N, C-alpha and C. Protein backbone atom coordinates (compact mmCIF):
# COMPACT_ATOMS: atom_id res chain seq x y z
N MET A 1 72.52 -30.44 124.51
CA MET A 1 72.65 -31.02 125.83
C MET A 1 71.41 -31.87 126.10
N SER A 2 71.61 -33.06 126.59
CA SER A 2 70.50 -33.95 126.91
C SER A 2 69.76 -33.45 128.15
N GLN A 3 68.50 -33.77 128.21
CA GLN A 3 67.69 -33.36 129.34
C GLN A 3 67.23 -34.59 130.12
N LEU A 4 67.35 -34.55 131.42
CA LEU A 4 66.85 -35.60 132.30
C LEU A 4 65.91 -34.94 133.31
N PRO A 5 64.97 -35.69 133.86
CA PRO A 5 64.10 -35.11 134.88
C PRO A 5 64.91 -34.56 136.05
N LYS A 6 64.41 -33.53 136.69
CA LYS A 6 65.16 -32.86 137.75
C LYS A 6 65.42 -33.74 138.96
N GLU A 7 64.67 -34.85 139.13
CA GLU A 7 64.91 -35.73 140.28
C GLU A 7 66.09 -36.68 140.07
N TYR A 8 66.69 -36.68 138.89
CA TYR A 8 67.89 -37.48 138.67
C TYR A 8 69.05 -36.85 139.43
N PRO A 9 69.97 -37.68 139.94
CA PRO A 9 71.11 -37.13 140.69
C PRO A 9 72.15 -36.50 139.76
N PHE A 10 72.20 -35.18 139.76
CA PHE A 10 73.18 -34.44 138.97
C PHE A 10 74.31 -33.99 139.87
N ILE A 11 75.52 -34.20 139.43
CA ILE A 11 76.69 -33.70 140.17
C ILE A 11 77.86 -33.57 139.21
N HIS A 12 78.63 -32.52 139.39
CA HIS A 12 79.87 -32.38 138.63
C HIS A 12 80.95 -31.96 139.60
N ILE A 13 82.07 -32.65 139.55
CA ILE A 13 83.19 -32.38 140.43
C ILE A 13 84.31 -31.79 139.58
N TYR A 14 84.66 -30.56 139.88
CA TYR A 14 85.72 -29.87 139.15
C TYR A 14 87.02 -30.03 139.93
N ALA A 15 87.97 -30.70 139.35
CA ALA A 15 89.25 -30.97 140.02
C ALA A 15 90.13 -29.74 140.04
N GLN A 16 91.08 -29.75 140.94
CA GLN A 16 92.09 -28.70 140.99
C GLN A 16 93.01 -28.82 139.78
N HIS A 17 93.44 -27.69 139.26
CA HIS A 17 94.41 -27.68 138.17
C HIS A 17 95.78 -27.24 138.65
N LYS A 18 95.80 -26.63 139.83
CA LYS A 18 97.08 -26.24 140.43
C LYS A 18 96.91 -26.18 141.94
N ALA A 19 98.02 -26.13 142.65
CA ALA A 19 97.99 -26.12 144.11
C ALA A 19 97.22 -24.93 144.64
N ARG A 20 96.55 -25.14 145.75
CA ARG A 20 95.77 -24.14 146.47
C ARG A 20 94.54 -23.63 145.73
N GLN A 21 94.23 -24.23 144.61
CA GLN A 21 93.02 -23.89 143.89
C GLN A 21 91.88 -24.73 144.48
N PRO A 22 90.70 -24.16 144.65
CA PRO A 22 89.62 -24.97 145.24
C PRO A 22 89.11 -26.03 144.29
N ALA A 23 88.72 -27.16 144.85
CA ALA A 23 87.95 -28.15 144.10
C ALA A 23 86.50 -27.74 144.28
N ILE A 24 85.70 -27.87 143.25
CA ILE A 24 84.32 -27.40 143.29
C ILE A 24 83.38 -28.58 143.01
N ILE A 25 82.35 -28.70 143.82
CA ILE A 25 81.30 -29.69 143.59
C ILE A 25 80.00 -28.94 143.37
N LYS A 26 79.39 -29.15 142.21
CA LYS A 26 78.09 -28.57 141.90
C LYS A 26 77.11 -29.73 141.77
N ALA A 27 75.98 -29.65 142.48
CA ALA A 27 75.06 -30.79 142.49
C ALA A 27 73.66 -30.36 142.92
N ASN A 28 72.68 -31.17 142.50
CA ASN A 28 71.34 -31.00 143.05
C ASN A 28 71.25 -31.81 144.33
N THR A 29 70.12 -31.73 145.01
CA THR A 29 69.95 -32.43 146.29
C THR A 29 70.16 -33.92 146.14
N GLU A 30 69.60 -34.52 145.10
CA GLU A 30 69.74 -35.96 144.90
C GLU A 30 71.19 -36.36 144.68
N GLY A 31 71.93 -35.57 143.93
CA GLY A 31 73.35 -35.86 143.70
C GLY A 31 74.15 -35.77 144.98
N LEU A 32 73.89 -34.74 145.79
CA LEU A 32 74.59 -34.61 147.06
C LEU A 32 74.26 -35.75 148.01
N CYS A 33 73.02 -36.21 148.00
CA CYS A 33 72.64 -37.36 148.85
C CYS A 33 73.39 -38.62 148.43
N LEU A 34 73.51 -38.86 147.11
CA LEU A 34 74.26 -40.04 146.67
C LEU A 34 75.73 -39.94 147.05
N LEU A 35 76.31 -38.75 146.91
CA LEU A 35 77.70 -38.55 147.31
C LEU A 35 77.86 -38.76 148.81
N LEU A 36 76.93 -38.23 149.59
CA LEU A 36 76.98 -38.42 151.04
C LEU A 36 76.88 -39.89 151.41
N ASN A 37 76.00 -40.62 150.76
CA ASN A 37 75.88 -42.06 151.02
C ASN A 37 77.16 -42.80 150.68
N ALA A 38 77.82 -42.41 149.59
CA ALA A 38 79.09 -43.05 149.23
C ALA A 38 80.16 -42.75 150.27
N ILE A 39 80.17 -41.54 150.81
CA ILE A 39 81.14 -41.17 151.85
C ILE A 39 80.87 -41.96 153.13
N VAL A 40 79.61 -42.05 153.52
CA VAL A 40 79.26 -42.81 154.73
C VAL A 40 79.63 -44.28 154.57
N THR A 41 79.38 -44.83 153.40
CA THR A 41 79.73 -46.23 153.14
C THR A 41 81.24 -46.44 153.22
N ALA A 42 82.01 -45.49 152.68
CA ALA A 42 83.47 -45.59 152.75
C ALA A 42 83.95 -45.53 154.19
N LEU A 43 83.29 -44.74 155.02
CA LEU A 43 83.66 -44.68 156.44
C LEU A 43 83.28 -45.96 157.17
N ALA A 44 82.13 -46.52 156.83
CA ALA A 44 81.67 -47.74 157.50
C ALA A 44 82.46 -48.97 157.09
N TYR A 45 82.91 -48.99 155.83
CA TYR A 45 83.65 -50.14 155.30
C TYR A 45 84.95 -49.65 154.66
N PRO A 46 85.92 -49.21 155.48
CA PRO A 46 87.14 -48.60 154.93
C PRO A 46 87.99 -49.51 154.05
N GLN A 47 87.82 -50.81 154.16
CA GLN A 47 88.60 -51.72 153.33
C GLN A 47 88.05 -51.81 151.91
N ASN A 48 86.88 -51.28 151.66
CA ASN A 48 86.26 -51.33 150.33
C ASN A 48 86.15 -49.92 149.74
N ASN A 49 86.14 -49.84 148.43
CA ASN A 49 85.84 -48.57 147.77
C ASN A 49 84.33 -48.42 147.72
N SER A 50 83.89 -47.20 147.74
CA SER A 50 82.47 -46.92 147.63
C SER A 50 82.23 -46.13 146.35
N THR A 51 81.12 -46.36 145.68
CA THR A 51 80.84 -45.64 144.44
C THR A 51 79.44 -45.06 144.46
N ALA A 52 79.28 -44.01 143.69
CA ALA A 52 77.96 -43.41 143.46
C ALA A 52 77.82 -43.24 141.96
N GLU A 53 76.72 -43.71 141.40
CA GLU A 53 76.44 -43.51 139.97
C GLU A 53 75.57 -42.28 139.83
N ILE A 54 76.10 -41.29 139.11
CA ILE A 54 75.43 -40.01 138.99
C ILE A 54 75.50 -39.51 137.56
N PHE A 55 74.88 -38.38 137.31
CA PHE A 55 74.86 -37.78 135.98
C PHE A 55 75.55 -36.43 136.03
N CYS A 56 76.33 -36.12 134.99
CA CYS A 56 76.96 -34.81 134.88
C CYS A 56 76.04 -33.89 134.08
N GLY A 57 76.50 -32.68 133.81
CA GLY A 57 75.68 -31.67 133.16
C GLY A 57 75.15 -32.05 131.79
N ASP A 58 75.84 -32.91 131.06
CA ASP A 58 75.35 -33.31 129.74
C ASP A 58 74.59 -34.63 129.78
N ALA A 59 74.12 -35.00 130.97
CA ALA A 59 73.28 -36.17 131.21
C ALA A 59 73.98 -37.50 130.96
N GLU A 60 75.32 -37.51 130.98
CA GLU A 60 76.08 -38.75 130.86
C GLU A 60 76.27 -39.34 132.26
N CYS A 61 76.03 -40.62 132.38
CA CYS A 61 76.19 -41.31 133.65
C CYS A 61 77.68 -41.61 133.88
N TYR A 62 78.14 -41.40 135.11
CA TYR A 62 79.50 -41.78 135.47
C TYR A 62 79.53 -42.16 136.94
N GLN A 63 80.64 -42.70 137.39
CA GLN A 63 80.78 -43.11 138.78
C GLN A 63 81.74 -42.20 139.52
N VAL A 64 81.40 -41.91 140.76
CA VAL A 64 82.31 -41.24 141.67
C VAL A 64 82.81 -42.31 142.63
N LEU A 65 84.11 -42.45 142.72
CA LEU A 65 84.74 -43.45 143.57
C LEU A 65 85.22 -42.76 144.84
N VAL A 66 84.80 -43.27 145.99
CA VAL A 66 85.22 -42.74 147.29
C VAL A 66 86.09 -43.80 147.94
N GLN A 67 87.33 -43.43 148.24
CA GLN A 67 88.28 -44.35 148.87
C GLN A 67 88.68 -43.81 150.23
N HIS A 68 88.62 -44.66 151.23
CA HIS A 68 89.07 -44.30 152.57
C HIS A 68 90.54 -44.68 152.67
N ILE A 69 91.39 -43.71 152.96
CA ILE A 69 92.83 -43.97 153.05
C ILE A 69 93.32 -43.54 154.42
N SER A 70 94.56 -43.94 154.77
CA SER A 70 95.08 -43.61 156.09
C SER A 70 96.47 -42.99 156.07
N THR A 71 97.07 -42.85 154.89
CA THR A 71 98.41 -42.24 154.82
C THR A 71 98.46 -41.19 153.72
N HIS A 72 99.38 -40.25 153.86
CA HIS A 72 99.57 -39.23 152.83
C HIS A 72 100.06 -39.84 151.52
N GLU A 73 100.83 -40.92 151.61
CA GLU A 73 101.35 -41.55 150.41
C GLU A 73 100.23 -42.08 149.52
N GLU A 74 99.12 -42.46 150.11
CA GLU A 74 98.00 -42.98 149.33
C GLU A 74 97.30 -41.89 148.51
N LEU A 75 97.58 -40.64 148.81
CA LEU A 75 97.00 -39.54 148.04
C LEU A 75 97.72 -39.34 146.70
N ALA A 76 98.95 -39.75 146.60
CA ALA A 76 99.78 -39.50 145.42
C ALA A 76 99.33 -40.36 144.25
N PRO A 77 99.52 -39.92 143.06
CA PRO A 77 99.99 -38.60 142.68
C PRO A 77 98.84 -37.59 142.68
N LEU A 78 99.16 -36.36 143.00
CA LEU A 78 98.17 -35.30 142.94
C LEU A 78 97.91 -34.95 141.48
N PRO A 79 96.66 -34.70 141.10
CA PRO A 79 96.35 -34.51 139.68
C PRO A 79 97.00 -33.28 139.05
N TYR A 80 97.35 -32.28 139.84
CA TYR A 80 97.92 -31.06 139.27
C TYR A 80 99.43 -31.03 139.32
N GLN A 81 100.08 -32.05 139.88
CA GLN A 81 101.54 -32.06 139.93
C GLN A 81 102.11 -32.51 138.60
N LYS A 82 103.14 -31.80 138.16
CA LYS A 82 103.83 -32.19 136.94
C LYS A 82 104.79 -33.31 137.29
N LYS A 83 104.93 -34.22 136.38
CA LYS A 83 105.91 -35.29 136.58
C LYS A 83 107.29 -34.70 136.30
N HIS A 84 108.16 -34.86 137.29
CA HIS A 84 109.52 -34.33 137.14
C HIS A 84 110.39 -35.39 136.48
N GLU A 85 110.92 -35.05 135.37
CA GLU A 85 111.79 -35.96 134.63
C GLU A 85 113.23 -35.60 134.93
N PRO A 86 114.10 -36.58 135.09
CA PRO A 86 115.53 -36.25 135.32
C PRO A 86 116.10 -35.53 134.10
N GLU A 87 116.92 -34.54 134.39
CA GLU A 87 117.52 -33.77 133.28
C GLU A 87 118.89 -34.28 132.94
């Protein structure tokens, strides 16, 4: 596992695998601040996506995309839903 200084923004977001399962966010203070800033930016500018560049547990950089939506349809598809194929 790669090592980065502790002041780097670390965050890992564990997605749901099935309904009613909690989503989990594990992060240091810097990672939570970047996520908070991305959320505030999405609220301030709802027509744009907001991103935060952060590091996961193995020190790989990735982006968290925060989208402000206004309808339930914009949530679809849910990551844990199986695609129903016609029989």
